[in-house]
Amino acid sequence: MAQFKIAVCGPHGSGKTTLAKTICRLAKSELPQVTWATIGDVARDCPFPIGEFTCEEAQRWILDERNRLETSSQGFLVSDGCMLNDCAYYWHWAGRLPENYNEAIKLASMFDMVIRLPADARLCTSDGVRPTSIEFLNNIDALMDRLFMPFTNIYRLPQHDLLSREVFIHDEVMTLVRNRLHN
């Protein structure tokens, strides 16, 4: 069975959800024969407080849930974030990497494409839960840069520009998916 896994990563408010949905929408219209699965924003489902009132238990829950979802996914997948993305938040809040960091590295290497979006304060609006200060977003962004550094499947996109992102989806993402389908 052919498969292709894409993770859209970056701090909250960087446009991950919008880009993941755009990839799915364009992929479904251009490649109707492919069924795409999605993994959404796992932190939103956390039963513990997140954001400024988070605790280590909440961050572990997010990592465990993301691990479960990424491990069980097959076929064609678009993920809003990935376990390694969530490790940056754990690192920020706990002051150290999580115990299951090596599992996050292993899962990140299973993605065919990781699209890395930078922090963009213009997009990050307050949801009453997660911090939106540019200092916080830049810190998470820097931690993600360190975590994703060893990977070669990273596609870094500039700050929010819808047109260039749609061109990227057509030129890069769809080309790679079509190649996978024909191999």
C-alpha atoms as a PDB file:
ATOM      1  CA  MET A   1       0.000   0.000   0.000  1.00  0.00           C
ATOM      2  CA  ALA A   2       1.392   3.397  -0.977  1.00  0.00           C
ATOM      3  CA  GLN A   3       1.698   5.974   1.734  1.00  0.00           C
ATOM      4  CA  PHE A   4       2.908   9.537   2.150  1.00  0.00           C
ATOM      5  CA  LYS A   5       3.087  11.375   5.453  1.00  0.00           C
ATOM      6  CA  ILE A   6       3.263  15.149   5.825  1.00  0.00           C
ATOM      7  CA  ALA A   7       3.675  17.051   9.100  1.00  0.00           C
ATOM      8  CA  VAL A   8       3.059  20.782   9.227  1.00  0.00           C
ATOM      9  CA  CYS A   9       5.094  22.089  12.178  1.00  0.00           C
ATOM     10  CA  GLY A  10       5.694  25.385  13.925  1.00  0.00           C
ATOM     11  CA  PRO A  11       4.549  27.334  16.977  1.00  0.00           C
ATOM     12  CA  HIS A  12       0.838  27.833  17.520  1.00  0.00           C
ATOM     13  CA  GLY A  13      -0.476  30.696  15.438  1.00  0.00           C
ATOM     14  CA  SER A  14       2.001  30.118  12.605  1.00  0.00           C
ATOM     15  CA  GLY A  15      -0.657  28.914  10.160  1.00  0.00           C
ATOM     16  CA  LYS A  16      -0.239  25.134  10.627  1.00  0.00           C
ATOM     17  CA  THR A  17      -3.935  24.306  10.714  1.00  0.00           C
ATOM     18  CA  THR A  18      -4.708  26.519   7.718  1.00  0.00           C
ATOM     19  CA  LEU A  19      -1.859  25.020   5.683  1.00  0.00           C
ATOM     20  CA  ALA A  20      -2.765  21.427   6.662  1.00  0.00           C
ATOM     21  CA  LYS A  21      -6.383  22.026   5.610  1.00  0.00           C
ATOM     22  CA  THR A  22      -5.246  23.657   2.352  1.00  0.00           C
ATOM     23  CA  ILE A  23      -3.024  20.663   1.558  1.00  0.00           C
ATOM     24  CA  CYS A  24      -5.960  18.298   2.150  1.00  0.00           C
ATOM     25  CA  ARG A  25      -8.344  20.413   0.079  1.00  0.00           C
ATOM     26  CA  LEU A  26      -5.962  20.705  -2.873  1.00  0.00           C
ATOM     27  CA  ALA A  27      -4.870  17.070  -2.645  1.00  0.00           C
ATOM     28  CA  LYS A  28      -8.469  15.858  -2.665  1.00  0.00           C
ATOM     29  CA  SER A  29      -9.271  17.950  -5.738  1.00  0.00           C
ATOM     30  CA  GLU A  30      -6.084  17.087  -7.646  1.00  0.00           C
ATOM     31  CA  LEU A  31      -5.826  13.452  -6.550  1.00  0.00           C
ATOM     32  CA  PRO A  32      -9.388  12.263  -5.893  1.00  0.00           C
ATOM     33  CA  GLN A  33      -8.275   8.621  -5.927  1.00  0.00           C
ATOM     34  CA  VAL A  34      -6.275   9.163  -2.700  1.00  0.00           C
ATOM     35  CA  THR A  35      -7.909   9.023   0.720  1.00  0.00           C
ATOM     36  CA  TRP A  36      -6.181  11.386   3.154  1.00  0.00           C
ATOM     37  CA  ALA A  37      -6.191  10.936   6.917  1.00  0.00           C
ATOM     38  CA  THR A  38      -5.545  13.851   9.238  1.00  0.00           C
ATOM     39  CA  ILE A  39      -4.233  14.383  12.747  1.00  0.00           C
ATOM     40  CA  GLY A  40      -5.463  17.630  14.244  1.00  0.00           C
ATOM     41  CA  ASP A  41      -4.260  19.900  17.032  1.00  0.00           C
ATOM     42  CA  VAL A  42      -3.766  17.351  19.831  1.00  0.00           C
ATOM     43  CA  ALA A  43      -3.224  19.974  22.549  1.00  0.00           C
ATOM     44  CA  ARG A  44      -6.812  21.172  22.116  1.00  0.00           C
ATOM     45  CA  ASP A  45      -8.071  17.784  23.338  1.00  0.00           C
ATOM     46  CA  CYS A  46      -5.844  17.677  26.422  1.00  0.00           C
ATOM     47  CA  PRO A  47      -7.892  17.082  29.603  1.00  0.00           C
ATOM     48  CA  PHE A  48      -5.338  19.059  31.640  1.00  0.00           C
ATOM     49  CA  PRO A  49      -4.602  22.799  31.548  1.00  0.00           C
ATOM     50  CA  ILE A  50      -2.352  23.955  28.713  1.00  0.00           C
ATOM     51  CA  GLY A  51      -0.697  27.291  28.015  1.00  0.00           C
ATOM     52  CA  GLU A  52       0.489  29.359  30.950  1.00  0.00           C
ATOM     53  CA  PHE A  53      -1.257  27.052  33.420  1.00  0.00           C
ATOM     54  CA  THR A  54       0.130  23.839  31.981  1.00  0.00           C
ATOM     55  CA  CYS A  55       1.764  21.117  34.013  1.00  0.00           C
ATOM     56  CA  GLU A  56       4.159  18.332  33.144  1.00  0.00           C
ATOM     57  CA  GLU A  57       1.269  15.853  33.212  1.00  0.00           C
ATOM     58  CA  ALA A  58      -0.491  17.838  30.468  1.00  0.00           C
ATOM     59  CA  GLN A  59       2.629  17.950  28.317  1.00  0.00           C
ATOM     60  CA  ARG A  60       3.152  14.184  28.774  1.00  0.00           C
ATOM     61  CA  TRP A  61      -0.489  13.552  27.812  1.00  0.00           C
ATOM     62  CA  ILE A  62      -0.044  15.574  24.609  1.00  0.00           C
ATOM     63  CA  LEU A  63       3.119  13.649  23.703  1.00  0.00           C
ATOM     64  CA  ASP A  64       1.544  10.265  24.480  1.00  0.00           C
ATOM     65  CA  GLU A  65      -1.580  11.055  22.450  1.00  0.00           C
ATOM     66  CA  ARG A  66       0.456  12.333  19.521  1.00  0.00           C
ATOM     67  CA  ASN A  67       2.646   9.202  19.739  1.00  0.00           C
ATOM     68  CA  ARG A  68      -0.466   6.988  19.633  1.00  0.00           C
ATOM     69  CA  LEU A  69      -1.914   8.814  16.623  1.00  0.00           C
ATOM     70  CA  GLU A  70       1.332   8.958  14.626  1.00  0.00           C
ATOM     71  CA  THR A  71       2.182   5.319  15.340  1.00  0.00           C
ATOM     72  CA  SER A  72      -1.229   4.077  14.194  1.00  0.00           C
ATOM     73  CA  SER A  73      -1.481   6.218  11.043  1.00  0.00           C
ATOM     74  CA  GLN A  74      -1.116   4.562   7.657  1.00  0.00           C
ATOM     75  CA  GLY A  75      -1.621   5.583   4.062  1.00  0.00           C
ATOM     76  CA  PHE A  76      -1.728   9.248   3.140  1.00  0.00           C
ATOM     77  CA  LEU A  77      -1.583  11.564   6.136  1.00  0.00           C
ATOM     78  CA  VAL A  78      -1.472  15.285   6.850  1.00  0.00           C
ATOM     79  CA  SER A  79      -0.655  16.055  10.479  1.00  0.00           C
ATOM     80  CA  ASP A  80      -1.178  19.424  12.157  1.00  0.00           C
ATOM     81  CA  GLY A  81       2.107  19.291  14.086  1.00  0.00           C
ATOM     82  CA  CYS A  82       4.035  16.193  15.112  1.00  0.00           C
ATOM     83  CA  MET A  83       5.436  14.674  18.283  1.00  0.00           C
ATOM     84  CA  LEU A  84       8.796  16.404  17.799  1.00  0.00           C
ATOM     85  CA  ASN A  85       6.928  19.718  17.427  1.00  0.00           C
ATOM     86  CA  ASP A  86       5.266  19.041  20.797  1.00  0.00           C
ATOM     87  CA  CYS A  87       8.668  18.245  22.379  1.00  0.00           C
ATOM     88  CA  ALA A  88       9.578  21.933  21.997  1.00  0.00           C
ATOM     89  CA  TYR A  89       6.638  22.908  24.202  1.00  0.00           C
ATOM     90  CA  TYR A  90       7.544  20.240  26.769  1.00  0.00           C
ATOM     91  CA  TRP A  91      11.137  21.487  26.743  1.00  0.00           C
ATOM     92  CA  HIS A  92       9.971  25.067  27.280  1.00  0.00           C
ATOM     93  CA  TRP A  93       7.600  24.274  30.156  1.00  0.00           C
ATOM     94  CA  ALA A  94       9.572  21.476  31.890  1.00  0.00           C
ATOM     95  CA  GLY A  95      13.062  22.857  31.214  1.00  0.00           C
ATOM     96  CA  ARG A  96      14.237  19.562  29.695  1.00  0.00           C
ATOM     97  CA  LEU A  97      13.438  17.177  26.896  1.00  0.00           C
ATOM     98  CA  PRO A  98      10.818  14.501  27.600  1.00  0.00           C
ATOM     99  CA  GLU A  99      11.681  10.898  28.397  1.00  0.00           C
ATOM    100  CA  ASN A 100      10.174   9.752  25.086  1.00  0.00           C
ATOM    101  CA  TYR A 101      12.239  12.202  23.011  1.00  0.00           C
ATOM    102  CA  ASN A 102      13.917   9.336  21.104  1.00  0.00           C
ATOM    103  CA  GLU A 103      10.482   8.065  20.066  1.00  0.00           C
ATOM    104  CA  ALA A 104       9.685  11.559  18.767  1.00  0.00           C
ATOM    105  CA  ILE A 105      12.898  11.513  16.697  1.00  0.00           C
ATOM    106  CA  LYS A 106      11.972   8.102  15.283  1.00  0.00           C
ATOM    107  CA  LEU A 107       8.434   9.202  14.382  1.00  0.00           C
ATOM    108  CA  ALA A 108       9.621  12.482  12.827  1.00  0.00           C
ATOM    109  CA  SER A 109      11.946  10.531  10.548  1.00  0.00           C
ATOM    110  CA  MET A 110       8.954   8.538   9.261  1.00  0.00           C
ATOM    111  CA  PHE A 111       7.407  11.644   7.704  1.00  0.00           C
ATOM    112  CA  ASP A 112       8.171  12.040   4.007  1.00  0.00           C
ATOM    113  CA  MET A 113       7.865  15.787   4.349  1.00  0.00           C
ATOM    114  CA  VAL A 114       7.981  18.109   7.342  1.00  0.00           C
ATOM    115  CA  ILE A 115       6.858  21.623   6.510  1.00  0.00           C
ATOM    116  CA  ARG A 116       8.318  24.018   9.070  1.00  0.00           C
ATOM    117  CA  LEU A 117       6.519  27.324   9.580  1.00  0.00           C
ATOM    118  CA  PRO A 118       8.139  30.172  11.544  1.00  0.00           C
ATOM    119  CA  ALA A 119       6.570  32.078  14.403  1.00  0.00           C
ATOM    120  CA  ASP A 120       4.425  34.895  13.069  1.00  0.00           C
ATOM    121  CA  ALA A 121       2.958  37.283  15.646  1.00  0.00           C
ATOM    122  CA  ARG A 122       0.646  38.703  12.976  1.00  0.00           C
ATOM    123  CA  LEU A 123      -1.209  35.381  12.833  1.00  0.00           C
ATOM    124  CA  CYS A 124      -1.193  34.498  16.516  1.00  0.00           C
ATOM    125  CA  THR A 125      -4.360  35.788  18.118  1.00  0.00           C
ATOM    126  CA  SER A 126      -5.322  35.193  21.710  1.00  0.00           C
ATOM    127  CA  ASP A 127      -7.488  32.139  22.264  1.00  0.00           C
ATOM    128  CA  GLY A 128      -7.494  32.667  26.017  1.00  0.00           C
ATOM    129  CA  VAL A 129      -5.405  29.533  26.497  1.00  0.00           C
ATOM    130  CA  ARG A 130      -1.985  29.745  24.871  1.00  0.00           C
ATOM    131  CA  PRO A 131       0.549  32.563  25.290  1.00  0.00           C
ATOM    132  CA  THR A 132       0.795  34.910  22.321  1.00  0.00           C
ATOM    133  CA  SER A 133       3.744  37.129  23.202  1.00  0.00           C
ATOM    134  CA  ILE A 134       6.382  37.370  20.487  1.00  0.00           C
ATOM    135  CA  GLU A 135       9.044  36.419  23.056  1.00  0.00           C
ATOM    136  CA  PHE A 136       7.239  33.165  23.838  1.00  0.00           C
ATOM    137  CA  LEU A 137       6.646  32.357  20.160  1.00  0.00           C
ATOM    138  CA  ASN A 138      10.273  33.114  19.266  1.00  0.00           C
ATOM    139  CA  ASN A 139      11.488  30.891  22.117  1.00  0.00           C
ATOM    140  CA  ILE A 140       9.332  27.970  20.918  1.00  0.00           C
ATOM    141  CA  ASP A 141      10.511  28.660  17.360  1.00  0.00           C
ATOM    142  CA  ALA A 142      14.178  28.534  18.437  1.00  0.00           C
ATOM    143  CA  LEU A 143      13.637  25.262  20.324  1.00  0.00           C
ATOM    144  CA  MET A 144      11.975  23.778  17.235  1.00  0.00           C
ATOM    145  CA  ASP A 145      14.905  24.889  15.080  1.00  0.00           C
ATOM    146  CA  ARG A 146      17.232  22.955  17.388  1.00  0.00           C
ATOM    147  CA  LEU A 147      15.020  19.856  17.421  1.00  0.00           C
ATOM    148  CA  PHE A 148      14.502  19.725  13.644  1.00  0.00           C
ATOM    149  CA  MET A 149      18.127  20.571  12.751  1.00  0.00           C
ATOM    150  CA  PRO A 150      19.291  16.986  11.986  1.00  0.00           C
ATOM    151  CA  PHE A 151      16.485  16.228   9.533  1.00  0.00           C
ATOM    152  CA  THR A 152      16.807  16.461   5.753  1.00  0.00           C
ATOM    153  CA  ASN A 153      13.084  16.179   4.980  1.00  0.00           C
ATOM    154  CA  ILE A 154      12.380  19.718   6.251  1.00  0.00           C
ATOM    155  CA  TYR A 155      10.830  22.331   3.985  1.00  0.00           C
ATOM    156  CA  ARG A 156      11.062  25.772   5.558  1.00  0.00           C
ATOM    157  CA  LEU A 157       8.461  28.265   4.416  1.00  0.00           C
ATOM    158  CA  PRO A 158       8.633  32.020   4.963  1.00  0.00           C
ATOM    159  CA  GLN A 159       6.220  33.875   7.199  1.00  0.00           C
ATOM    160  CA  HIS A 160       2.596  33.810   6.171  1.00  0.00           C
ATOM    161  CA  ASP A 161       2.021  34.370   2.473  1.00  0.00           C
ATOM    162  CA  LEU A 162      -0.977  32.429   1.171  1.00  0.00           C
ATOM    163  CA  LEU A 163      -0.017  32.635  -2.485  1.00  0.00           C
ATOM    164  CA  SER A 164       3.518  31.292  -1.996  1.00  0.00           C
ATOM    165  CA  ARG A 165       2.161  28.528   0.239  1.00  0.00           C
ATOM    166  CA  GLU A 166      -0.358  27.404  -2.388  1.00  0.00           C
ATOM    167  CA  VAL A 167       2.361  27.481  -5.056  1.00  0.00           C
ATOM    168  CA  PHE A 168       4.541  25.379  -2.729  1.00  0.00           C
ATOM    169  CA  ILE A 169       1.717  22.854  -2.293  1.00  0.00           C
ATOM    170  CA  HIS A 170       1.245  22.550  -6.061  1.00  0.00           C
ATOM    171  CA  ASP A 171       4.938  22.548  -6.985  1.00  0.00           C
ATOM    172  CA  GLU A 172       6.422  20.479  -4.150  1.00  0.00           C
ATOM    173  CA  VAL A 173       3.796  18.561  -2.199  1.00  0.00           C
ATOM    174  CA  MET A 174       1.636  17.349  -5.082  1.00  0.00           C
ATOM    175  CA  THR A 175       4.701  16.456  -7.177  1.00  0.00           C
ATOM    176  CA  LEU A 176       6.120  14.299  -4.376  1.00  0.00           C
ATOM    177  CA  VAL A 177       2.752  12.625  -3.752  1.00  0.00           C
ATOM    178  CA  ARG A 178       2.231  11.910  -7.473  1.00  0.00           C
ATOM    179  CA  ASN A 179       5.736  10.405  -7.662  1.00  0.00           C
ATOM    180  CA  ARG A 180       4.919   8.156  -4.698  1.00  0.00           C
ATOM    181  CA  LEU A 181       1.690   7.026  -6.341  1.00  0.00           C
ATOM    182  CA  HIS A 182       3.497   6.076  -9.548  1.00  0.00           C
ATOM    183  CA  ASN A 183       6.388   4.188  -7.915  1.00  0.00           C
END
